[in-house]
Amino acid sequence: MISGKPNRSGRNYSFKPPDKRRPVLILTRNSAISFLNEVTIAPVTSNIRDIPSEIVIGPEDGMPYRCAVNFDHIQTVAKDRLGELITTLSDDKMAEAGVAICFALGIEI
């Protein structure tokens, strides 16, 4: 059910895990996406915890409401489980995501 195949990191798509459809942020590097059957994603949640392993996004980023990308729950999923494109995050927001990912994985820069 892909509405426009995922071809760029930094894009938010809806995703249907076993429980319900939810927004996710694609993290896989752009150059690899077209060659892979799966992409690495971080779930988006309305539960904002204001911790270093998440970034807050909202209407100013193209999301319908204020929410958080949670990098403590990064996973790899089949591309065919992604739904419609919601928005594409700015380079600045993706830079914030990089810092949060490093924190979540315990990588010191």
N, C-alpha and C. Protein backbone atom coordinates (compact mmCIF):
# COMPACT_ATOMS: atom_id res chain seq x y z
N MET A 1 0.82 -1.20 0.00
CA MET A 1 0.00 0.00 0.00
C MET A 1 0.86 1.25 0.00
N ILE A 2 1.84 1.30 -0.85
CA ILE A 2 2.71 2.47 -0.87
C ILE A 2 2.17 3.48 -1.86
N SER A 3 1.96 4.68 -1.37
CA SER A 3 1.53 5.79 -2.21
C SER A 3 2.78 6.59 -2.52
N GLY A 4 3.47 6.25 -3.58
CA GLY A 4 4.78 6.85 -3.85
C GLY A 4 5.80 6.10 -3.01
N LYS A 5 6.65 5.30 -3.66
CA LYS A 5 7.60 4.47 -2.93
C LYS A 5 8.55 5.33 -2.11
N PRO A 6 8.89 4.88 -0.89
CA PRO A 6 9.84 5.63 -0.09
C PRO A 6 11.18 5.69 -0.81
N ASN A 7 11.71 6.88 -1.00
CA ASN A 7 12.96 7.02 -1.73
C ASN A 7 13.89 8.05 -1.10
N ARG A 8 13.58 8.46 0.12
CA ARG A 8 14.38 9.52 0.74
C ARG A 8 14.24 9.44 2.25
N SER A 9 15.35 9.53 2.97
CA SER A 9 15.26 9.59 4.43
C SER A 9 14.71 10.95 4.83
N GLY A 10 14.22 11.04 6.05
CA GLY A 10 13.64 12.29 6.52
C GLY A 10 12.18 12.42 6.20
N ARG A 11 11.61 11.43 5.54
CA ARG A 11 10.18 11.49 5.22
C ARG A 11 9.38 10.75 6.27
N ASN A 12 8.21 11.29 6.57
CA ASN A 12 7.29 10.63 7.48
C ASN A 12 6.21 9.94 6.67
N TYR A 13 5.99 8.67 6.93
CA TYR A 13 4.93 7.88 6.31
C TYR A 13 4.07 7.30 7.42
N SER A 14 2.86 6.93 7.10
CA SER A 14 2.09 6.14 8.06
C SER A 14 2.59 4.70 7.92
N PHE A 15 2.43 3.91 8.97
CA PHE A 15 2.91 2.53 9.00
C PHE A 15 1.91 1.70 9.76
N LYS A 16 1.66 0.48 9.29
CA LYS A 16 0.70 -0.37 9.96
C LYS A 16 1.40 -1.52 10.67
N PRO A 17 1.75 -1.30 11.95
CA PRO A 17 2.28 -2.41 12.74
C PRO A 17 1.12 -3.33 13.11
N PRO A 18 1.39 -4.40 13.83
CA PRO A 18 0.29 -5.31 14.17
C PRO A 18 -0.88 -4.65 14.90
N ASP A 19 -0.63 -3.60 15.69
CA ASP A 19 -1.72 -3.03 16.48
C ASP A 19 -2.53 -1.96 15.76
N LYS A 20 -1.88 -0.96 15.13
CA LYS A 20 -2.62 0.11 14.45
C LYS A 20 -1.69 0.90 13.54
N ARG A 21 -2.26 1.66 12.62
CA ARG A 21 -1.46 2.51 11.74
C ARG A 21 -0.96 3.71 12.53
N ARG A 22 0.32 4.03 12.35
CA ARG A 22 0.90 5.17 13.05
C ARG A 22 1.96 5.81 12.18
N PRO A 23 2.28 7.09 12.43
CA PRO A 23 3.34 7.73 11.66
C PRO A 23 4.73 7.22 12.08
N VAL A 24 5.63 7.17 11.10
CA VAL A 24 7.02 6.80 11.36
C VAL A 24 7.93 7.72 10.55
N LEU A 25 9.16 7.84 10.97
CA LEU A 25 10.17 8.61 10.25
C LEU A 25 11.16 7.63 9.63
N ILE A 26 11.37 7.73 8.32
CA ILE A 26 12.34 6.88 7.64
C ILE A 26 13.75 7.38 7.95
N LEU A 27 14.63 6.46 8.35
CA LEU A 27 16.00 6.80 8.71
C LEU A 27 17.03 6.25 7.73
N THR A 28 16.66 5.27 6.94
CA THR A 28 17.60 4.67 5.98
C THR A 28 18.17 5.73 5.06
N ARG A 29 19.47 5.65 4.78
CA ARG A 29 20.11 6.64 3.91
C ARG A 29 19.50 6.59 2.51
N ASN A 30 19.37 7.75 1.91
CA ASN A 30 18.70 7.89 0.62
C ASN A 30 19.28 6.98 -0.45
N SER A 31 20.60 6.86 -0.51
CA SER A 31 21.24 6.10 -1.58
C SER A 31 20.93 4.60 -1.51
N ALA A 32 20.48 4.10 -0.38
CA ALA A 32 20.22 2.67 -0.22
C ALA A 32 18.76 2.29 -0.39
N ILE A 33 17.86 3.22 -0.21
CA ILE A 33 16.43 2.89 -0.13
C ILE A 33 15.92 2.14 -1.36
N SER A 34 16.29 2.57 -2.55
CA SER A 34 15.75 1.93 -3.76
C SER A 34 16.26 0.51 -3.95
N PHE A 35 17.34 0.13 -3.28
CA PHE A 35 17.92 -1.21 -3.42
C PHE A 35 17.43 -2.18 -2.35
N LEU A 36 16.73 -1.69 -1.36
CA LEU A 36 16.33 -2.50 -0.22
C LEU A 36 14.84 -2.82 -0.23
N ASN A 37 14.48 -3.93 0.38
CA ASN A 37 13.07 -4.28 0.57
C ASN A 37 12.55 -3.77 1.91
N GLU A 38 13.47 -3.37 2.78
CA GLU A 38 13.12 -2.88 4.11
C GLU A 38 13.80 -1.54 4.35
N VAL A 39 13.23 -0.76 5.25
CA VAL A 39 13.82 0.52 5.65
C VAL A 39 13.83 0.59 7.18
N THR A 40 14.75 1.37 7.69
CA THR A 40 14.83 1.58 9.14
C THR A 40 14.00 2.81 9.48
N ILE A 41 13.18 2.67 10.51
CA ILE A 41 12.24 3.73 10.88
C ILE A 41 12.30 4.00 12.39
N ALA A 42 11.79 5.16 12.76
CA ALA A 42 11.56 5.49 14.17
C ALA A 42 10.08 5.85 14.30
N PRO A 43 9.40 5.32 15.30
CA PRO A 43 7.98 5.62 15.46
C PRO A 43 7.74 7.05 15.95
N VAL A 44 6.60 7.59 15.57
CA VAL A 44 6.17 8.91 16.01
C VAL A 44 5.03 8.71 17.00
N THR A 45 5.09 9.41 18.12
CA THR A 45 4.10 9.24 19.17
C THR A 45 3.57 10.59 19.64
N SER A 46 2.35 10.59 20.14
CA SER A 46 1.79 11.82 20.73
C SER A 46 2.26 12.01 22.17
N ASN A 47 2.93 10.98 22.72
CA ASN A 47 3.45 11.04 24.08
C ASN A 47 4.83 11.71 24.06
N ILE A 48 4.86 13.01 24.30
CA ILE A 48 6.10 13.78 24.28
C ILE A 48 6.72 13.73 25.67
N ARG A 49 7.94 13.18 25.76
CA ARG A 49 8.60 13.02 27.05
C ARG A 49 9.69 14.06 27.29
N ASP A 50 10.03 14.84 26.26
CA ASP A 50 11.10 15.84 26.38
C ASP A 50 12.40 15.23 26.90
N ILE A 51 12.84 14.17 26.22
CA ILE A 51 14.10 13.51 26.57
C ILE A 51 15.04 13.59 25.37
N PRO A 52 16.34 13.43 25.58
CA PRO A 52 17.30 13.61 24.49
C PRO A 52 17.21 12.59 23.36
N SER A 53 16.51 11.48 23.59
CA SER A 53 16.40 10.45 22.55
C SER A 53 15.15 10.62 21.69
N GLU A 54 14.57 11.81 21.70
CA GLU A 54 13.43 12.10 20.82
C GLU A 54 13.54 13.52 20.31
N ILE A 55 12.85 13.79 19.19
CA ILE A 55 12.72 15.16 18.70
C ILE A 55 11.23 15.46 18.59
N VAL A 56 10.88 16.69 18.86
CA VAL A 56 9.48 17.12 18.77
C VAL A 56 9.24 17.70 17.38
N ILE A 57 8.15 17.27 16.76
CA ILE A 57 7.74 17.80 15.46
C ILE A 57 6.27 18.18 15.56
N GLY A 58 5.82 19.02 14.66
CA GLY A 58 4.43 19.47 14.72
C GLY A 58 3.98 20.11 13.43
N PRO A 59 2.92 20.92 13.49
CA PRO A 59 2.38 21.55 12.29
C PRO A 59 3.42 22.33 11.49
N GLU A 60 4.38 22.94 12.18
CA GLU A 60 5.43 23.69 11.47
C GLU A 60 6.33 22.77 10.64
N ASP A 61 6.27 21.46 10.92
CA ASP A 61 7.04 20.46 10.19
C ASP A 61 6.16 19.67 9.22
N GLY A 62 4.89 20.03 9.13
CA GLY A 62 3.99 19.33 8.22
C GLY A 62 3.17 18.23 8.86
N MET A 63 3.30 18.06 10.18
CA MET A 63 2.50 17.05 10.88
C MET A 63 1.18 17.68 11.30
N PRO A 64 0.13 16.88 11.42
CA PRO A 64 -1.17 17.45 11.79
C PRO A 64 -1.26 17.88 13.25
N TYR A 65 -0.35 17.42 14.09
CA TYR A 65 -0.38 17.75 15.52
C TYR A 65 1.05 17.67 16.07
N ARG A 66 1.25 18.21 17.26
CA ARG A 66 2.55 18.17 17.94
C ARG A 66 2.79 16.74 18.44
N CYS A 67 3.97 16.20 18.16
CA CYS A 67 4.28 14.82 18.52
C CYS A 67 5.79 14.66 18.63
N ALA A 68 6.25 13.46 18.93
CA ALA A 68 7.68 13.21 19.08
C ALA A 68 8.10 11.99 18.27
N VAL A 69 9.27 12.08 17.66
CA VAL A 69 9.89 10.92 17.03
C VAL A 69 10.73 10.25 18.11
N ASN A 70 10.45 8.98 18.36
CA ASN A 70 11.07 8.25 19.46
C ASN A 70 12.19 7.35 18.93
N PHE A 71 13.44 7.73 19.20
CA PHE A 71 14.58 6.98 18.70
C PHE A 71 15.01 5.85 19.64
N ASP A 72 14.31 5.66 20.74
CA ASP A 72 14.56 4.51 21.60
C ASP A 72 13.92 3.25 21.03
N HIS A 73 13.08 3.39 20.00
CA HIS A 73 12.37 2.24 19.43
C HIS A 73 12.59 2.13 17.92
N ILE A 74 13.81 2.37 17.48
CA ILE A 74 14.16 2.23 16.07
C ILE A 74 13.97 0.77 15.65
N GLN A 75 13.44 0.56 14.44
CA GLN A 75 13.26 -0.79 13.93
C GLN A 75 13.35 -0.80 12.41
N THR A 76 13.51 -1.97 11.84
CA THR A 76 13.55 -2.13 10.39
C THR A 76 12.27 -2.84 9.96
N VAL A 77 11.61 -2.29 8.94
CA VAL A 77 10.31 -2.82 8.50
C VAL A 77 10.28 -2.95 6.98
N ALA A 78 9.40 -3.79 6.48
CA ALA A 78 9.22 -3.95 5.04
C ALA A 78 8.63 -2.68 4.45
N LYS A 79 9.17 -2.26 3.30
CA LYS A 79 8.67 -1.04 2.66
C LYS A 79 7.20 -1.16 2.28
N ASP A 80 6.74 -2.38 1.98
CA ASP A 80 5.34 -2.51 1.56
C ASP A 80 4.36 -2.34 2.71
N ARG A 81 4.85 -2.17 3.92
CA ARG A 81 3.97 -1.90 5.06
C ARG A 81 3.79 -0.41 5.30
N LEU A 82 4.49 0.41 4.52
CA LEU A 82 4.35 1.86 4.65
C LEU A 82 3.15 2.35 3.85
N GLY A 83 2.47 3.32 4.39
CA GLY A 83 1.31 3.90 3.72
C GLY A 83 1.65 5.20 3.04
N GLU A 84 0.78 6.17 3.19
CA GLU A 84 0.91 7.44 2.49
C GLU A 84 1.96 8.34 3.13
N LEU A 85 2.59 9.16 2.28
CA LEU A 85 3.55 10.15 2.75
C LEU A 85 2.81 11.22 3.52
N ILE A 86 3.32 11.59 4.67
CA ILE A 86 2.72 12.64 5.49
C ILE A 86 3.47 13.95 5.29
N THR A 87 4.80 13.92 5.42
CA THR A 87 5.62 15.13 5.28
C THR A 87 7.07 14.73 5.12
N THR A 88 7.90 15.68 4.76
CA THR A 88 9.35 15.49 4.71
C THR A 88 9.98 16.51 5.64
N LEU A 89 10.81 16.05 6.56
CA LEU A 89 11.42 16.95 7.53
C LEU A 89 12.57 17.74 6.90
N SER A 90 12.81 18.92 7.44
CA SER A 90 13.89 19.80 6.96
C SER A 90 15.25 19.20 7.31
N ASP A 91 16.28 19.68 6.64
CA ASP A 91 17.65 19.25 6.96
C ASP A 91 18.00 19.57 8.41
N ASP A 92 17.55 20.72 8.90
CA ASP A 92 17.82 21.09 10.30
C ASP A 92 17.17 20.10 11.26
N LYS A 93 15.94 19.71 10.97
CA LYS A 93 15.24 18.76 11.84
C LYS A 93 15.90 17.39 11.77
N MET A 94 16.39 17.01 10.58
CA MET A 94 17.09 15.73 10.46
C MET A 94 18.43 15.77 11.19
N ALA A 95 19.06 16.93 11.26
CA ALA A 95 20.29 17.06 12.04
C ALA A 95 19.98 16.84 13.52
N GLU A 96 18.86 17.39 13.99
CA GLU A 96 18.42 17.14 15.38
C GLU A 96 18.19 15.65 15.59
N ALA A 97 17.59 15.00 14.58
CA ALA A 97 17.35 13.57 14.66
C ALA A 97 18.66 12.81 14.81
N GLY A 98 19.68 13.22 14.08
CA GLY A 98 20.98 12.56 14.17
C GLY A 98 21.56 12.61 15.57
N VAL A 99 21.43 13.75 16.21
CA VAL A 99 21.92 13.90 17.60
C VAL A 99 21.12 12.98 18.53
N ALA A 100 19.80 12.95 18.35
CA ALA A 100 18.95 12.11 19.20
C ALA A 100 19.22 10.62 18.98
N ILE A 101 19.49 10.24 17.73
CA ILE A 101 19.81 8.84 17.44
C ILE A 101 21.11 8.44 18.15
N CYS A 102 22.12 9.28 18.04
CA CYS A 102 23.39 8.99 18.71
C CYS A 102 23.19 8.85 20.21
N PHE A 103 22.38 9.72 20.80
CA PHE A 103 22.10 9.62 22.23
C PHE A 103 21.41 8.29 22.54
N ALA A 104 20.39 7.95 21.75
CA ALA A 104 19.62 6.72 22.00
C ALA A 104 20.50 5.47 21.90
N LEU A 105 21.47 5.50 20.99
CA LEU A 105 22.32 4.33 20.79
C LEU A 105 23.61 4.38 21.60
N GLY A 106 23.80 5.46 22.36
CA GLY A 106 24.99 5.58 23.18
C GLY A 106 26.26 5.85 22.38
N ILE A 107 26.11 6.52 21.24
CA ILE A 107 27.25 6.86 20.39
C ILE A 107 27.69 8.28 20.71
N GLU A 108 28.94 8.43 21.09
CA GLU A 108 29.46 9.76 21.39
C GLU A 108 30.09 10.34 20.13
N ILE A 109 29.76 11.59 19.85
CA ILE A 109 30.29 12.25 18.65
C ILE A 109 31.43 13.16 19.05
